[in-house]
């Protein structure tokens, strides 16, 4: 998975995506998601499951795209399955800690 961690004024912003969805656009009716390389790949590193879980545990905000990445977030309790979007063959979830 591709993992990016950015410190912001609001806390740690984490983006995670499966490499195979990078640069693609997914749609479902009025909802459209483009997995932008500038957001998900710029400064990203290949990360294993343990590293992604650690980053999500520290995140204030996270954007997660791809079947593997979203499944990992659900399995580890960061995202509720009922909040996951299924878009044209991939999955997308967001995490916000307040």
N, C-alpha and C. Protein backbone atom coordinates (compact mmCIF):
# COMPACT_ATOMS: atom_id res chain seq x y z
N UNK A 1 0.84 -1.17 0.00
CA UNK A 1 0.00 0.00 0.00
C UNK A 1 0.89 1.24 0.00
N UNK A 2 0.36 2.31 -0.55
CA UNK A 2 1.08 3.57 -0.54
C UNK A 2 0.59 4.39 0.65
N UNK A 3 1.51 4.87 1.45
CA UNK A 3 1.20 5.59 2.68
C UNK A 3 1.87 6.95 2.67
N UNK A 4 1.08 7.98 2.98
CA UNK A 4 1.62 9.33 3.13
C UNK A 4 1.14 9.87 4.47
N UNK A 5 2.05 10.48 5.22
CA UNK A 5 1.72 11.12 6.48
C UNK A 5 2.14 12.59 6.39
N UNK A 6 1.18 13.48 6.66
CA UNK A 6 1.46 14.91 6.60
C UNK A 6 1.00 15.57 7.90
N UNK A 7 1.89 16.33 8.51
CA UNK A 7 1.50 17.10 9.69
C UNK A 7 0.79 18.37 9.23
N UNK A 8 -0.36 18.65 9.82
CA UNK A 8 -1.11 19.86 9.51
C UNK A 8 -1.42 20.57 10.82
N UNK A 9 -1.99 21.76 10.75
CA UNK A 9 -2.37 22.48 11.97
C UNK A 9 -3.44 21.72 12.74
N UNK A 10 -4.22 20.90 12.05
CA UNK A 10 -5.30 20.14 12.68
C UNK A 10 -4.84 18.76 13.16
N UNK A 11 -3.59 18.40 12.91
CA UNK A 11 -3.09 17.09 13.33
C UNK A 11 -2.54 16.31 12.15
N UNK A 12 -2.37 15.03 12.33
CA UNK A 12 -1.77 14.17 11.32
C UNK A 12 -2.79 13.76 10.27
N UNK A 13 -2.49 14.06 9.01
CA UNK A 13 -3.30 13.67 7.87
C UNK A 13 -2.62 12.46 7.22
N UNK A 14 -3.35 11.36 7.15
CA UNK A 14 -2.83 10.12 6.57
C UNK A 14 -3.61 9.80 5.31
N UNK A 15 -2.90 9.46 4.24
CA UNK A 15 -3.55 8.95 3.04
C UNK A 15 -2.96 7.59 2.72
N UNK A 16 -3.85 6.66 2.41
CA UNK A 16 -3.45 5.29 2.10
C UNK A 16 -4.22 4.84 0.87
N UNK A 17 -3.52 4.22 -0.07
CA UNK A 17 -4.22 3.65 -1.21
C UNK A 17 -3.51 2.40 -1.70
N UNK A 18 -4.30 1.55 -2.35
CA UNK A 18 -3.74 0.41 -3.04
C UNK A 18 -3.06 0.95 -4.30
N UNK A 19 -1.87 0.48 -4.64
CA UNK A 19 -1.16 1.01 -5.81
C UNK A 19 -1.94 0.88 -7.12
N UNK A 20 -2.77 -0.14 -7.24
CA UNK A 20 -3.47 -0.37 -8.51
C UNK A 20 -4.60 0.63 -8.78
N UNK A 21 -4.99 1.43 -7.79
CA UNK A 21 -6.06 2.41 -8.03
C UNK A 21 -5.51 3.81 -8.29
N UNK A 22 -4.22 3.99 -8.13
CA UNK A 22 -3.59 5.30 -8.31
C UNK A 22 -3.83 5.83 -9.72
N UNK A 23 -4.30 7.06 -9.80
CA UNK A 23 -4.54 7.72 -11.08
C UNK A 23 -5.88 7.40 -11.72
N UNK A 24 -6.66 6.54 -11.10
CA UNK A 24 -7.95 6.15 -11.67
C UNK A 24 -9.09 7.00 -11.11
N UNK A 25 -10.19 7.03 -11.85
CA UNK A 25 -11.41 7.69 -11.40
C UNK A 25 -12.50 6.64 -11.25
N UNK A 26 -13.21 6.71 -10.14
CA UNK A 26 -14.29 5.78 -9.84
C UNK A 26 -15.57 6.57 -9.64
N UNK A 27 -16.68 6.03 -10.15
CA UNK A 27 -17.94 6.74 -10.05
C UNK A 27 -19.05 5.81 -9.62
N UNK A 28 -20.04 6.39 -8.95
CA UNK A 28 -21.26 5.70 -8.61
C UNK A 28 -22.36 6.75 -8.55
N UNK A 29 -23.11 6.87 -9.64
CA UNK A 29 -24.13 7.91 -9.71
C UNK A 29 -23.49 9.28 -9.63
N UNK A 30 -23.96 10.10 -8.68
CA UNK A 30 -23.43 11.46 -8.57
C UNK A 30 -22.07 11.55 -7.87
N UNK A 31 -21.60 10.45 -7.31
CA UNK A 31 -20.33 10.45 -6.56
C UNK A 31 -19.19 10.04 -7.48
N UNK A 32 -18.14 10.85 -7.48
CA UNK A 32 -16.96 10.58 -8.29
C UNK A 32 -15.72 10.77 -7.43
N UNK A 33 -14.76 9.87 -7.58
CA UNK A 33 -13.51 9.95 -6.82
C UNK A 33 -12.35 9.69 -7.77
N UNK A 34 -11.43 10.65 -7.86
CA UNK A 34 -10.20 10.46 -8.61
C UNK A 34 -9.07 10.29 -7.60
N UNK A 35 -8.34 9.21 -7.74
CA UNK A 35 -7.22 8.92 -6.83
C UNK A 35 -6.00 9.66 -7.38
N UNK A 36 -5.88 10.91 -6.98
CA UNK A 36 -4.86 11.82 -7.50
C UNK A 36 -3.46 11.42 -7.03
N UNK A 37 -2.55 11.34 -7.99
CA UNK A 37 -1.16 11.04 -7.65
C UNK A 37 -0.57 12.11 -6.75
N UNK A 38 -0.97 13.37 -6.95
CA UNK A 38 -0.42 14.46 -6.14
C UNK A 38 -0.80 14.32 -4.67
N UNK A 39 -1.91 13.68 -4.38
CA UNK A 39 -2.35 13.52 -2.99
C UNK A 39 -1.91 12.17 -2.41
N UNK A 40 -2.08 11.10 -3.17
CA UNK A 40 -1.82 9.76 -2.64
C UNK A 40 -0.41 9.24 -2.89
N UNK A 41 0.31 9.78 -3.88
CA UNK A 41 1.62 9.21 -4.21
C UNK A 41 2.79 10.16 -3.93
N UNK A 42 2.54 11.46 -3.98
CA UNK A 42 3.63 12.41 -3.76
C UNK A 42 4.14 12.28 -2.33
N UNK A 43 5.38 11.87 -2.18
CA UNK A 43 5.96 11.68 -0.87
C UNK A 43 5.56 10.38 -0.19
N UNK A 44 4.84 9.53 -0.91
CA UNK A 44 4.37 8.27 -0.33
C UNK A 44 5.47 7.23 -0.28
N UNK A 45 5.29 6.29 0.61
CA UNK A 45 6.20 5.16 0.72
C UNK A 45 5.38 3.88 0.68
N UNK A 46 5.96 2.82 0.14
CA UNK A 46 5.33 1.51 0.22
C UNK A 46 5.31 1.11 1.69
N UNK A 47 4.16 0.63 2.15
CA UNK A 47 4.05 0.30 3.57
C UNK A 47 3.33 -1.04 3.74
N UNK A 48 3.79 -1.80 4.72
CA UNK A 48 3.11 -3.06 5.02
C UNK A 48 1.93 -2.78 5.96
N UNK A 49 1.18 -3.82 6.25
CA UNK A 49 -0.03 -3.66 7.06
C UNK A 49 0.25 -3.07 8.44
N UNK A 50 1.30 -3.50 9.09
CA UNK A 50 1.62 -2.99 10.44
C UNK A 50 1.90 -1.49 10.41
N UNK A 51 2.61 -1.04 9.40
CA UNK A 51 2.93 0.38 9.32
C UNK A 51 1.67 1.21 9.03
N UNK A 52 0.80 0.70 8.16
CA UNK A 52 -0.45 1.41 7.86
C UNK A 52 -1.32 1.48 9.11
N UNK A 53 -1.44 0.39 9.84
CA UNK A 53 -2.24 0.38 11.07
C UNK A 53 -1.68 1.38 12.07
N UNK A 54 -0.37 1.45 12.21
CA UNK A 54 0.25 2.41 13.12
C UNK A 54 -0.05 3.85 12.72
N UNK A 55 0.01 4.13 11.43
CA UNK A 55 -0.29 5.48 10.95
C UNK A 55 -1.75 5.83 11.19
N UNK A 56 -2.65 4.90 10.90
CA UNK A 56 -4.08 5.16 11.13
C UNK A 56 -4.37 5.36 12.62
N UNK A 57 -3.65 4.69 13.48
CA UNK A 57 -3.84 4.85 14.93
C UNK A 57 -3.46 6.25 15.39
N UNK A 58 -2.51 6.88 14.71
CA UNK A 58 -2.06 8.23 15.07
C UNK A 58 -2.80 9.33 14.32
N UNK A 59 -3.55 8.98 13.30
CA UNK A 59 -4.16 9.97 12.40
C UNK A 59 -5.27 10.77 13.06
N UNK A 60 -5.31 12.05 12.73
CA UNK A 60 -6.46 12.89 13.07
C UNK A 60 -7.49 12.80 11.94
N UNK A 61 -6.97 12.71 10.71
CA UNK A 61 -7.79 12.58 9.51
C UNK A 61 -7.11 11.58 8.61
N UNK A 62 -7.91 10.71 7.96
CA UNK A 62 -7.34 9.77 7.01
C UNK A 62 -8.27 9.60 5.82
N UNK A 63 -7.67 9.47 4.65
CA UNK A 63 -8.36 9.15 3.41
C UNK A 63 -7.80 7.81 2.95
N UNK A 64 -8.69 6.86 2.70
CA UNK A 64 -8.28 5.49 2.42
C UNK A 64 -9.01 5.01 1.16
N UNK A 65 -8.25 4.53 0.18
CA UNK A 65 -8.84 4.08 -1.08
C UNK A 65 -8.25 2.73 -1.49
N UNK A 66 -9.13 1.86 -1.96
CA UNK A 66 -8.71 0.56 -2.46
C UNK A 66 -9.24 -0.55 -1.58
N UNK A 67 -9.49 -1.67 -2.18
CA UNK A 67 -10.09 -2.79 -1.46
C UNK A 67 -9.23 -3.25 -0.29
N UNK A 68 -7.93 -3.43 -0.53
CA UNK A 68 -7.04 -3.91 0.53
C UNK A 68 -6.90 -2.89 1.65
N UNK A 69 -6.67 -1.62 1.30
CA UNK A 69 -6.46 -0.58 2.31
C UNK A 69 -7.70 -0.38 3.17
N UNK A 70 -8.86 -0.30 2.54
CA UNK A 70 -10.10 -0.09 3.30
C UNK A 70 -10.41 -1.31 4.15
N UNK A 71 -10.23 -2.51 3.62
CA UNK A 71 -10.47 -3.72 4.42
C UNK A 71 -9.60 -3.74 5.66
N UNK A 72 -8.35 -3.33 5.53
CA UNK A 72 -7.44 -3.27 6.68
C UNK A 72 -7.96 -2.28 7.73
N UNK A 73 -8.43 -1.12 7.28
CA UNK A 73 -8.97 -0.12 8.21
C UNK A 73 -10.21 -0.63 8.92
N UNK A 74 -11.06 -1.35 8.21
CA UNK A 74 -12.27 -1.92 8.82
C UNK A 74 -11.90 -3.01 9.82
N UNK A 75 -11.04 -3.93 9.40
CA UNK A 75 -10.63 -5.06 10.25
C UNK A 75 -10.01 -4.59 11.56
N UNK A 76 -9.35 -3.44 11.54
CA UNK A 76 -8.67 -2.94 12.74
C UNK A 76 -9.48 -1.90 13.50
N UNK A 77 -10.74 -1.73 13.12
CA UNK A 77 -11.65 -0.89 13.89
C UNK A 77 -11.53 0.60 13.68
N UNK A 78 -10.83 1.03 12.64
CA UNK A 78 -10.71 2.46 12.37
C UNK A 78 -11.91 3.01 11.62
N UNK A 79 -12.55 2.16 10.84
CA UNK A 79 -13.66 2.55 9.99
C UNK A 79 -14.78 1.54 10.16
N UNK A 80 -16.02 2.01 10.27
CA UNK A 80 -17.17 1.13 10.33
C UNK A 80 -17.58 0.74 8.91
N UNK A 81 -17.79 -0.53 8.69
CA UNK A 81 -18.14 -1.04 7.36
C UNK A 81 -19.33 -0.29 6.76
N UNK A 82 -20.27 0.12 7.57
CA UNK A 82 -21.47 0.78 7.07
C UNK A 82 -21.19 2.16 6.48
N UNK A 83 -20.00 2.71 6.75
CA UNK A 83 -19.65 4.05 6.23
C UNK A 83 -18.77 3.99 4.98
N UNK A 84 -18.43 2.79 4.54
CA UNK A 84 -17.55 2.62 3.39
C UNK A 84 -18.34 2.82 2.10
N UNK A 85 -17.77 3.61 1.18
CA UNK A 85 -18.37 3.79 -0.14
C UNK A 85 -17.80 2.75 -1.10
N UNK A 86 -18.68 2.13 -1.86
CA UNK A 86 -18.27 1.23 -2.93
C UNK A 86 -18.48 1.97 -4.23
N UNK A 87 -17.39 2.26 -4.91
CA UNK A 87 -17.43 3.07 -6.12
C UNK A 87 -16.85 2.31 -7.30
N UNK A 88 -17.69 1.83 -8.15
CA UNK A 88 -17.26 1.30 -9.45
C UNK A 88 -16.06 0.37 -9.35
N UNK A 89 -16.08 -0.55 -8.41
CA UNK A 89 -15.01 -1.54 -8.33
C UNK A 89 -13.96 -1.30 -7.29
N UNK A 90 -14.05 -0.22 -6.54
CA UNK A 90 -13.11 -0.03 -5.43
C UNK A 90 -13.87 0.49 -4.22
N UNK A 91 -13.15 0.65 -3.13
CA UNK A 91 -13.75 1.12 -1.88
C UNK A 91 -13.03 2.38 -1.41
N UNK A 92 -13.81 3.24 -0.71
CA UNK A 92 -13.25 4.50 -0.20
C UNK A 92 -13.82 4.74 1.19
N UNK A 93 -12.94 5.18 2.09
CA UNK A 93 -13.39 5.51 3.45
C UNK A 93 -12.59 6.71 3.95
N UNK A 94 -13.19 7.41 4.88
CA UNK A 94 -12.52 8.52 5.53
C UNK A 94 -12.61 8.34 7.03
N UNK A 95 -11.64 8.87 7.72
CA UNK A 95 -11.56 8.81 9.17
C UNK A 95 -11.36 10.23 9.68
N UNK A 96 -12.13 10.60 10.68
CA UNK A 96 -11.97 11.91 11.31
C UNK A 96 -12.10 11.74 12.81
N UNK A 97 -11.06 12.10 13.52
CA UNK A 97 -11.08 12.06 14.98
C UNK A 97 -11.26 13.48 15.50
N UNK A 98 -12.19 13.64 16.41
CA UNK A 98 -12.46 14.97 16.96
C UNK A 98 -12.17 14.98 18.44
